[in-house]
Amino acid sequence: MITVNNLVHHEFIGLSVSVTSVSNESLRLKGTVIDETKNTIKIEVDDDVEKIIPKKGSIFVFELPTGEKVEINGNILSIRPEDRIKKRFKKI
């Protein structure tokens, strides 16, 4: 089960997300995560519109299935997803 405390150790695909702060103002958006790489997150904004957001310099607010919202700095997410799941973080 995904919780606020263990979100970074789970898969992001399928979660609702909003990008709150990036260096490029045109990339502030809301949508659903559809793919993730080491340096980017691909978000589906509308039915057929996909945007690729760089993790570094971005702040993401993920909405959990329970309705809770979690803000995460993209700089700490700049790890391959399969490596991030097993990595230990000091404090987030």
PDB file of N, CA and C in Angstrom:
ATOM      1  N   MET A   1       0.834  -1.178   0.000  1.00  0.00           N
ATOM      2  CA  MET A   1       0.000   0.000   0.000  1.00  0.00           C
ATOM      3  C   MET A   1       0.886   1.251   0.000  1.00  0.00           C
ATOM      4  N   ILE A   2       0.546   2.177  -0.850  1.00  0.00           N
ATOM      5  CA  ILE A   2       1.316   3.416  -0.946  1.00  0.00           C
ATOM      6  C   ILE A   2       0.869   4.364   0.167  1.00  0.00           C
ATOM      7  N   THR A   3       1.846   4.879   0.895  1.00  0.00           N
ATOM      8  CA  THR A   3       1.561   5.865   1.938  1.00  0.00           C
ATOM      9  C   THR A   3       2.476   7.071   1.742  1.00  0.00           C
ATOM     10  N   VAL A   4       2.261   8.089   2.542  1.00  0.00           N
ATOM     11  CA  VAL A   4       3.100   9.286   2.498  1.00  0.00           C
ATOM     12  C   VAL A   4       4.548   8.930   2.800  1.00  0.00           C
ATOM     13  N   ASN A   5       4.770   8.016   3.718  1.00  0.00           N
ATOM     14  CA  ASN A   5       6.120   7.665   4.158  1.00  0.00           C
ATOM     15  C   ASN A   5       6.898   6.805   3.171  1.00  0.00           C
ATOM     16  N   ASN A   6       6.200   6.035   2.335  1.00  0.00           N
ATOM     17  CA  ASN A   6       6.923   5.128   1.443  1.00  0.00           C
ATOM     18  C   ASN A   6       6.700   5.408  -0.043  1.00  0.00           C
ATOM     19  N   LEU A   7       6.202   6.575  -0.378  1.00  0.00           N
ATOM     20  CA  LEU A   7       5.897   6.893  -1.772  1.00  0.00           C
ATOM     21  C   LEU A   7       7.107   6.770  -2.687  1.00  0.00           C
ATOM     22  N   VAL A   8       8.270   7.245  -2.268  1.00  0.00           N
ATOM     23  CA  VAL A   8       9.443   7.209  -3.146  1.00  0.00           C
ATOM     24  C   VAL A   8       9.916   5.787  -3.429  1.00  0.00           C
ATOM     25  N   HIS A   9       9.458   4.815  -2.685  1.00  0.00           N
ATOM     26  CA  HIS A   9       9.831   3.421  -2.910  1.00  0.00           C
ATOM     27  C   HIS A   9       8.810   2.682  -3.760  1.00  0.00           C
ATOM     28  N   HIS A  10       7.848   3.396  -4.319  1.00  0.00           N
ATOM     29  CA  HIS A  10       6.810   2.788  -5.143  1.00  0.00           C
ATOM     30  C   HIS A  10       6.856   3.327  -6.563  1.00  0.00           C
ATOM     31  N   GLU A  11       6.099   2.690  -7.412  1.00  0.00           N
ATOM     32  CA  GLU A  11       5.951   3.093  -8.799  1.00  0.00           C
ATOM     33  C   GLU A  11       5.040   4.318  -8.869  1.00  0.00           C
ATOM     34  N   PHE A  12       5.406   5.297  -9.704  1.00  0.00           N
ATOM     35  CA  PHE A  12       4.605   6.513  -9.855  1.00  0.00           C
ATOM     36  C   PHE A  12       3.571   6.404 -10.962  1.00  0.00           C
ATOM     37  N   ILE A  13       3.736   5.459 -11.875  1.00  0.00           N
ATOM     38  CA  ILE A  13       2.844   5.349 -13.020  1.00  0.00           C
ATOM     39  C   ILE A  13       1.422   5.113 -12.539  1.00  0.00           C
ATOM     40  N   GLY A  14       0.502   5.939 -13.055  1.00  0.00           N
ATOM     41  CA  GLY A  14      -0.905   5.844 -12.698  1.00  0.00           C
ATOM     42  C   GLY A  14      -1.337   6.846 -11.645  1.00  0.00           C
ATOM     43  N   LEU A  15      -0.387   7.490 -10.970  1.00  0.00           N
ATOM     44  CA  LEU A  15      -0.740   8.479  -9.947  1.00  0.00           C
ATOM     45  C   LEU A  15      -1.028   9.836 -10.578  1.00  0.00           C
ATOM     46  N   SER A  16      -1.948  10.572  -9.968  1.00  0.00           N
ATOM     47  CA  SER A  16      -2.194  11.955 -10.379  1.00  0.00           C
ATOM     48  C   SER A  16      -1.064  12.818  -9.845  1.00  0.00           C
ATOM     49  N   VAL A  17      -0.631  13.778 -10.645  1.00  0.00           N
ATOM     50  CA  VAL A  17       0.496  14.622 -10.252  1.00  0.00           C
ATOM     51  C   VAL A  17       0.277  16.025 -10.789  1.00  0.00           C
ATOM     52  N   SER A  18       0.787  16.990 -10.036  1.00  0.00           N
ATOM     53  CA  SER A  18       0.849  18.352 -10.550  1.00  0.00           C
ATOM     54  C   SER A  18       2.274  18.848 -10.347  1.00  0.00           C
ATOM     55  N   VAL A  19       2.767  19.569 -11.328  1.00  0.00           N
ATOM     56  CA  VAL A  19       4.110  20.127 -11.272  1.00  0.00           C
ATOM     57  C   VAL A  19       3.953  21.557 -10.787  1.00  0.00           C
ATOM     58  N   THR A  20       4.555  21.868  -9.643  1.00  0.00           N
ATOM     59  CA  THR A  20       4.328  23.178  -9.035  1.00  0.00           C
ATOM     60  C   THR A  20       5.441  24.172  -9.275  1.00  0.00           C
ATOM     61  N   SER A  21       6.649  23.707  -9.555  1.00  0.00           N
ATOM     62  CA  SER A  21       7.737  24.653  -9.733  1.00  0.00           C
ATOM     63  C   SER A  21       8.783  24.064 -10.659  1.00  0.00           C
ATOM     64  N   VAL A  22       8.967  24.707 -11.766  1.00  0.00           N
ATOM     65  CA  VAL A  22      10.014  24.300 -12.694  1.00  0.00           C
ATOM     66  C   VAL A  22      10.677  25.551 -13.235  1.00  0.00           C
ATOM     67  N   SER A  23      11.818  25.383 -13.830  1.00  0.00           N
ATOM     68  CA  SER A  23      12.514  26.540 -14.390  1.00  0.00           C
ATOM     69  C   SER A  23      11.770  27.091 -15.596  1.00  0.00           C
ATOM     70  N   ASN A  24      11.005  26.263 -16.286  1.00  0.00           N
ATOM     71  CA  ASN A  24      10.232  26.686 -17.443  1.00  0.00           C
ATOM     72  C   ASN A  24       8.763  26.801 -17.033  1.00  0.00           C
ATOM     73  N   GLU A  25       8.241  28.003 -16.999  1.00  0.00           N
ATOM     74  CA  GLU A  25       6.868  28.245 -16.534  1.00  0.00           C
ATOM     75  C   GLU A  25       5.823  27.517 -17.369  1.00  0.00           C
ATOM     76  N   SER A  26       6.105  27.222 -18.634  1.00  0.00           N
ATOM     77  CA  SER A  26       5.116  26.565 -19.494  1.00  0.00           C
ATOM     78  C   SER A  26       4.914  25.098 -19.122  1.00  0.00           C
ATOM     79  N   LEU A  27       5.777  24.554 -18.267  1.00  0.00           N
ATOM     80  CA  LEU A  27       5.652  23.156 -17.865  1.00  0.00           C
ATOM     81  C   LEU A  27       4.894  22.973 -16.557  1.00  0.00           C
ATOM     82  N   ARG A  28       4.262  24.020 -16.040  1.00  0.00           N
ATOM     83  CA  ARG A  28       3.406  23.861 -14.859  1.00  0.00           C
ATOM     84  C   ARG A  28       2.092  23.253 -15.322  1.00  0.00           C
ATOM     85  N   LEU A  29       1.809  22.043 -14.852  1.00  0.00           N
ATOM     86  CA  LEU A  29       0.623  21.348 -15.342  1.00  0.00           C
ATOM     87  C   LEU A  29       0.161  20.289 -14.367  1.00  0.00           C
ATOM     88  N   LYS A  30      -0.997  19.696 -14.678  1.00  0.00           N
ATOM     89  CA  LYS A  30      -1.592  18.615 -13.900  1.00  0.00           C
ATOM     90  C   LYS A  30      -1.916  17.476 -14.831  1.00  0.00           C
ATOM     91  N   GLY A  31      -1.792  16.252 -14.321  1.00  0.00           N
ATOM     92  CA  GLY A  31      -2.136  15.108 -15.139  1.00  0.00           C
ATOM     93  C   GLY A  31      -1.853  13.804 -14.427  1.00  0.00           C
ATOM     94  N   THR A  32      -1.692  12.749 -15.228  1.00  0.00           N
ATOM     95  CA  THR A  32      -1.433  11.409 -14.724  1.00  0.00           C
ATOM     96  C   THR A  32      -0.085  10.938 -15.230  1.00  0.00           C
ATOM     97  N   VAL A  33       0.708  10.352 -14.355  1.00  0.00           N
ATOM     98  CA  VAL A  33       2.022   9.839 -14.745  1.00  0.00           C
ATOM     99  C   VAL A  33       1.816   8.608 -15.621  1.00  0.00           C
ATOM    100  N   ILE A  34       2.431   8.622 -16.820  1.00  0.00           N
ATOM    101  CA  ILE A  34       2.306   7.461 -17.701  1.00  0.00           C
ATOM    102  C   ILE A  34       3.638   6.774 -17.966  1.00  0.00           C
ATOM    103  N   ASP A  35       4.755   7.440 -17.654  1.00  0.00           N
ATOM    104  CA  ASP A  35       6.061   6.815 -17.824  1.00  0.00           C
ATOM    105  C   ASP A  35       7.092   7.585 -17.004  1.00  0.00           C
ATOM    106  N   GLU A  36       8.185   6.904 -16.695  1.00  0.00           N
ATOM    107  CA  GLU A  36       9.239   7.536 -15.903  1.00  0.00           C
ATOM    108  C   GLU A  36      10.589   6.987 -16.342  1.00  0.00           C
ATOM    109  N   THR A  37      11.555   7.886 -16.482  1.00  0.00           N
ATOM    110  CA  THR A  37      12.925   7.483 -16.752  1.00  0.00           C
ATOM    111  C   THR A  37      13.806   8.043 -15.642  1.00  0.00           C
ATOM    112  N   LYS A  38      15.119   7.906 -15.792  1.00  0.00           N
ATOM    113  CA  LYS A  38      16.027   8.407 -14.770  1.00  0.00           C
ATOM    114  C   LYS A  38      15.890   9.920 -14.585  1.00  0.00           C
ATOM    115  N   ASN A  39      15.744  10.653 -15.673  1.00  0.00           N
ATOM    116  CA  ASN A  39      15.765  12.104 -15.605  1.00  0.00           C
ATOM    117  C   ASN A  39      14.437  12.783 -15.914  1.00  0.00           C
ATOM    118  N   THR A  40      13.423  12.026 -16.336  1.00  0.00           N
ATOM    119  CA  THR A  40      12.154  12.653 -16.728  1.00  0.00           C
ATOM    120  C   THR A  40      10.946  11.880 -16.226  1.00  0.00           C
ATOM    121  N   ILE A  41       9.832  12.583 -16.186  1.00  0.00           N
ATOM    122  CA  ILE A  41       8.529  11.969 -15.924  1.00  0.00           C
ATOM    123  C   ILE A  41       7.614  12.394 -17.059  1.00  0.00           C
ATOM    124  N   LYS A  42       6.947  11.419 -17.684  1.00  0.00           N
ATOM    125  CA  LYS A  42       6.015  11.714 -18.763  1.00  0.00           C
ATOM    126  C   LYS A  42       4.604  11.757 -18.177  1.00  0.00           C
ATOM    127  N   ILE A  43       3.917  12.882 -18.422  1.00  0.00           N
ATOM    128  CA  ILE A  43       2.595  13.118 -17.844  1.00  0.00           C
ATOM    129  C   ILE A  43       1.575  13.266 -18.963  1.00  0.00           C
ATOM    130  N   GLU A  44       0.444  12.572 -18.830  1.00  0.00           N
ATOM    131  CA  GLU A  44      -0.670  12.739 -19.765  1.00  0.00           C
ATOM    132  C   GLU A  44      -1.558  13.848 -19.220  1.00  0.00           C
ATOM    133  N   VAL A  45      -1.607  14.964 -19.954  1.00  0.00           N
ATOM    134  CA  VAL A  45      -2.345  16.135 -19.502  1.00  0.00           C
ATOM    135  C   VAL A  45      -3.810  16.025 -19.916  1.00  0.00           C
ATOM    136  N   ASP A  46      -4.062  15.807 -21.179  1.00  0.00           N
ATOM    137  CA  ASP A  46      -5.405  15.580 -21.705  1.00  0.00           C
ATOM    138  C   ASP A  46      -5.417  14.190 -22.313  1.00  0.00           C
ATOM    139  N   ASP A  47      -6.496  13.847 -23.017  1.00  0.00           N
ATOM    140  CA  ASP A  47      -6.603  12.497 -23.554  1.00  0.00           C
ATOM    141  C   ASP A  47      -5.437  12.102 -24.452  1.00  0.00           C
ATOM    142  N   ASP A  48      -4.990  12.988 -25.329  1.00  0.00           N
ATOM    143  CA  ASP A  48      -3.909  12.627 -26.242  1.00  0.00           C
ATOM    144  C   ASP A  48      -2.710  13.559 -26.146  1.00  0.00           C
ATOM    145  N   VAL A  49      -2.626  14.356 -25.098  1.00  0.00           N
ATOM    146  CA  VAL A  49      -1.517  15.290 -24.936  1.00  0.00           C
ATOM    147  C   VAL A  49      -0.592  14.779 -23.842  1.00  0.00           C
ATOM    148  N   GLU A  50       0.668  14.529 -24.220  1.00  0.00           N
ATOM    149  CA  GLU A  50       1.669  14.043 -23.271  1.00  0.00           C
ATOM    150  C   GLU A  50       2.788  15.071 -23.164  1.00  0.00           C
ATOM    151  N   LYS A  51       3.253  15.326 -21.958  1.00  0.00           N
ATOM    152  CA  LYS A  51       4.350  16.257 -21.715  1.00  0.00           C
ATOM    153  C   LYS A  51       5.452  15.520 -20.967  1.00  0.00           C
ATOM    154  N   ILE A  52       6.687  15.806 -21.309  1.00  0.00           N
ATOM    155  CA  ILE A  52       7.835  15.221 -20.629  1.00  0.00           C
ATOM    156  C   ILE A  52       8.455  16.308 -19.756  1.00  0.00           C
ATOM    157  N   ILE A  53       8.511  16.053 -18.451  1.00  0.00           N
ATOM    158  CA  ILE A  53       8.986  17.025 -17.473  1.00  0.00           C
ATOM    159  C   ILE A  53      10.324  16.548 -16.914  1.00  0.00           C
ATOM    160  N   PRO A  54      11.348  17.392 -16.923  1.00  0.00           N
ATOM    161  CA  PRO A  54      12.610  16.995 -16.283  1.00  0.00           C
ATOM    162  C   PRO A  54      12.444  16.938 -14.766  1.00  0.00           C
ATOM    163  N   LYS A  55      13.060  15.953 -14.144  1.00  0.00           N
ATOM    164  CA  LYS A  55      12.954  15.821 -12.687  1.00  0.00           C
ATOM    165  C   LYS A  55      13.760  16.899 -11.978  1.00  0.00           C
ATOM    166  N   LYS A  56      14.969  17.159 -12.454  1.00  0.00           N
ATOM    167  CA  LYS A  56      15.819  18.156 -11.791  1.00  0.00           C
ATOM    168  C   LYS A  56      15.208  19.538 -11.949  1.00  0.00           C
ATOM    169  N   GLY A  57      15.113  20.244 -10.839  1.00  0.00           N
ATOM    170  CA  GLY A  57      14.575  21.592 -10.846  1.00  0.00           C
ATOM    171  C   GLY A  57      13.064  21.654 -10.754  1.00  0.00           C
ATOM    172  N   SER A  58      12.406  20.507 -10.639  1.00  0.00           N
ATOM    173  CA  SER A  58      10.950  20.469 -10.554  1.00  0.00           C
ATOM    174  C   SER A  58      10.502  20.027  -9.171  1.00  0.00           C
ATOM    175  N   ILE A  59       9.313  20.450  -8.802  1.00  0.00           N
ATOM    176  CA  ILE A  59       8.687  19.980  -7.570  1.00  0.00           C
ATOM    177  C   ILE A  59       7.362  19.349  -7.967  1.00  0.00           C
ATOM    178  N   PHE A  60       7.176  18.107  -7.559  1.00  0.00           N
ATOM    179  CA  PHE A  60       5.994  17.351  -7.923  1.00  0.00           C
ATOM    180  C   PHE A  60       5.094  17.165  -6.711  1.00  0.00           C
ATOM    181  N   VAL A  61       3.791  17.299  -6.919  1.00  0.00           N
ATOM    182  CA  VAL A  61       2.816  17.013  -5.870  1.00  0.00           C
ATOM    183  C   VAL A  61       2.005  15.814  -6.362  1.00  0.00           C
ATOM    184  N   PHE A  62       2.248  14.659  -5.748  1.00  0.00           N
ATOM    185  CA  PHE A  62       1.561  13.421  -6.114  1.00  0.00           C
ATOM    186  C   PHE A  62       0.324  13.255  -5.246  1.00  0.00           C
ATOM    187  N   GLU A  63      -0.763  12.791  -5.862  1.00  0.00           N
ATOM    188  CA  GLU A  63      -1.978  12.496  -5.105  1.00  0.00           C
ATOM    189  C   GLU A  63      -2.089  10.978  -4.978  1.00  0.00           C
ATOM    190  N   LEU A  64      -2.099  10.507  -3.748  1.00  0.00           N
ATOM    191  CA  LEU A  64      -2.184   9.075  -3.476  1.00  0.00           C
ATOM    192  C   LEU A  64      -3.609   8.586  -3.691  1.00  0.00           C
ATOM    193  N   PRO A  65      -3.807   7.275  -3.846  1.00  0.00           N
ATOM    194  CA  PRO A  65      -5.164   6.737  -4.001  1.00  0.00           C
ATOM    195  C   PRO A  65      -6.076   7.066  -2.819  1.00  0.00           C
ATOM    196  N   THR A  66      -5.503   7.326  -1.652  1.00  0.00           N
ATOM    197  CA  THR A  66      -6.305   7.675  -0.474  1.00  0.00           C
ATOM    198  C   THR A  66      -6.742   9.134  -0.487  1.00  0.00           C
ATOM    199  N   GLY A  67      -6.205   9.921  -1.432  1.00  0.00           N
ATOM    200  CA  GLY A  67      -6.547  11.336  -1.515  1.00  0.00           C
ATOM    201  C   GLY A  67      -5.515  12.254  -0.894  1.00  0.00           C
ATOM    202  N   GLU A  68      -4.545  11.682  -0.190  1.00  0.00           N
ATOM    203  CA  GLU A  68      -3.481  12.488   0.423  1.00  0.00           C
ATOM    204  C   GLU A  68      -2.566  13.032  -0.662  1.00  0.00           C
ATOM    205  N   LYS A  69      -2.006  14.217  -0.415  1.00  0.00           N
ATOM    206  CA  LYS A  69      -1.081  14.822  -1.369  1.00  0.00           C
ATOM    207  C   LYS A  69       0.307  14.886  -0.754  1.00  0.00           C
ATOM    208  N   VAL A  70       1.320  14.562  -1.576  1.00  0.00           N
ATOM    209  CA  VAL A  70       2.704  14.523  -1.124  1.00  0.00           C
ATOM    210  C   VAL A  70       3.546  15.356  -2.079  1.00  0.00           C
ATOM    211  N   GLU A  71       4.303  16.305  -1.533  1.00  0.00           N
ATOM    212  CA  GLU A  71       5.195  17.137  -2.344  1.00  0.00           C
ATOM    213  C   GLU A  71       6.602  16.552  -2.272  1.00  0.00           C
ATOM    214  N   ILE A  72       7.201  16.335  -3.450  1.00  0.00           N
ATOM    215  CA  ILE A  72       8.538  15.754  -3.514  1.00  0.00           C
ATOM    216  C   ILE A  72       9.390  16.577  -4.473  1.00  0.00           C
ATOM    217  N   ASN A  73      10.591  16.891  -4.034  1.00  0.00           N
ATOM    218  CA  ASN A  73      11.551  17.597  -4.878  1.00  0.00           C
ATOM    219  C   ASN A  73      12.082  16.626  -5.929  1.00  0.00           C
ATOM    220  N   GLY A  74      12.018  17.028  -7.174  1.00  0.00           N
ATOM    221  CA  GLY A  74      12.454  16.165  -8.265  1.00  0.00           C
ATOM    222  C   GLY A  74      13.925  15.831  -8.248  1.00  0.00           C
ATOM    223  N   ASN A  75      14.738  16.647  -7.580  1.00  0.00           N
ATOM    224  CA  ASN A  75      16.178  16.380  -7.527  1.00  0.00           C
ATOM    225  C   ASN A  75      16.483  15.051  -6.831  1.00  0.00           C
ATOM    226  N   ILE A  76      15.699  14.687  -5.825  1.00  0.00           N
ATOM    227  CA  ILE A  76      15.958  13.407  -5.145  1.00  0.00           C
ATOM    228  C   ILE A  76      15.389  12.225  -5.915  1.00  0.00           C
ATOM    229  N   LEU A  77      14.570  12.491  -6.935  1.00  0.00           N
ATOM    230  CA  LEU A  77      13.990  11.422  -7.742  1.00  0.00           C
ATOM    231  C   LEU A  77      14.839  11.098  -8.964  1.00  0.00           C
ATOM    232  N   SER A  78      15.933  11.825  -9.167  1.00  0.00           N
ATOM    233  CA  SER A  78      16.760  11.639 -10.356  1.00  0.00           C
ATOM    234  C   SER A  78      17.616  10.386 -10.248  1.00  0.00           C
ATOM    235  N   ILE A  79      16.938   9.274 -10.134  1.00  0.00           N
ATOM    236  CA  ILE A  79      17.542   7.947 -10.044  1.00  0.00           C
ATOM    237  C   ILE A  79      16.693   7.051 -10.941  1.00  0.00           C
ATOM    238  N   ARG A  80      17.297   6.022 -11.507  1.00  0.00           N
ATOM    239  CA  ARG A  80      16.483   5.088 -12.287  1.00  0.00           C
ATOM    240  C   ARG A  80      15.378   4.539 -11.388  1.00  0.00           C
ATOM    241  N   PRO A  81      14.146   4.432 -11.908  1.00  0.00           N
ATOM    242  CA  PRO A  81      13.035   3.973 -11.067  1.00  0.00           C
ATOM    243  C   PRO A  81      13.301   2.647 -10.371  1.00  0.00           C
ATOM    244  N   GLU A  82      13.935   1.714 -11.068  1.00  0.00           N
ATOM    245  CA  GLU A  82      14.195   0.411 -10.452  1.00  0.00           C
ATOM    246  C   GLU A  82      15.236   0.499  -9.350  1.00  0.00           C
ATOM    247  N   ASP A  83      16.136   1.478  -9.415  1.00  0.00           N
ATOM    248  CA  ASP A  83      17.114   1.674  -8.348  1.00  0.00           C
ATOM    249  C   ASP A  83      16.525   2.465  -7.185  1.00  0.00           C
ATOM    250  N   ARG A  84      15.621   3.397  -7.485  1.00  0.00           N
ATOM    251  CA  ARG A  84      15.004   4.221  -6.444  1.00  0.00           C
ATOM    252  C   ARG A  84      14.159   3.365  -5.499  1.00  0.00           C
ATOM    253  N   ILE A  85      13.541   2.347  -6.027  1.00  0.00           N
ATOM    254  CA  ILE A  85      12.665   1.501  -5.224  1.00  0.00           C
ATOM    255  C   ILE A  85      13.436   0.792  -4.115  1.00  0.00           C
ATOM    256  N   LYS A  86      14.689   0.411  -4.385  1.00  0.00           N
ATOM    257  CA  LYS A  86      15.464  -0.304  -3.361  1.00  0.00           C
ATOM    258  C   LYS A  86      16.448   0.572  -2.607  1.00  0.00           C
ATOM    259  N   LYS A  87      16.539   1.865  -2.934  1.00  0.00           N
ATOM    260  CA  LYS A  87      17.481   2.773  -2.275  1.00  0.00           C
ATOM    261  C   LYS A  87      16.917   3.223  -0.927  1.00  0.00           C
ATOM    262  N   ARG A  88      17.805   3.426   0.015  1.00  0.00           N
ATOM    263  CA  ARG A  88      17.398   3.951   1.320  1.00  0.00           C
ATOM    264  C   ARG A  88      17.629   5.448   1.338  1.00  0.00           C
ATOM    265  N   PHE A  89      16.623   6.198   1.739  1.00  0.00           N
ATOM    266  CA  PHE A  89      16.721   7.641   1.839  1.00  0.00           C
ATOM    267  C   PHE A  89      16.828   8.004   3.307  1.00  0.00           C
ATOM    268  N   LYS A  90      17.672   8.993   3.619  1.00  0.00           N
ATOM    269  CA  LYS A  90      17.846   9.392   5.012  1.00  0.00           C
ATOM    270  C   LYS A  90      16.562  10.005   5.567  1.00  0.00           C
ATOM    271  N   LYS A  91      16.091  11.061   4.948  1.00  0.00           N
ATOM    272  CA  LYS A  91      14.880  11.709   5.423  1.00  0.00           C
ATOM    273  C   LYS A  91      14.293  12.507   4.276  1.00  0.00           C
ATOM    274  N   ILE A  92      13.019  12.337   4.057  1.00  0.00           N
ATOM    275  CA  ILE A  92      12.363  13.035   2.952  1.00  0.00           C
ATOM    276  C   ILE A  92      11.275  13.920   3.497  1.00  0.00           C
TER     277      ILE A  92
END
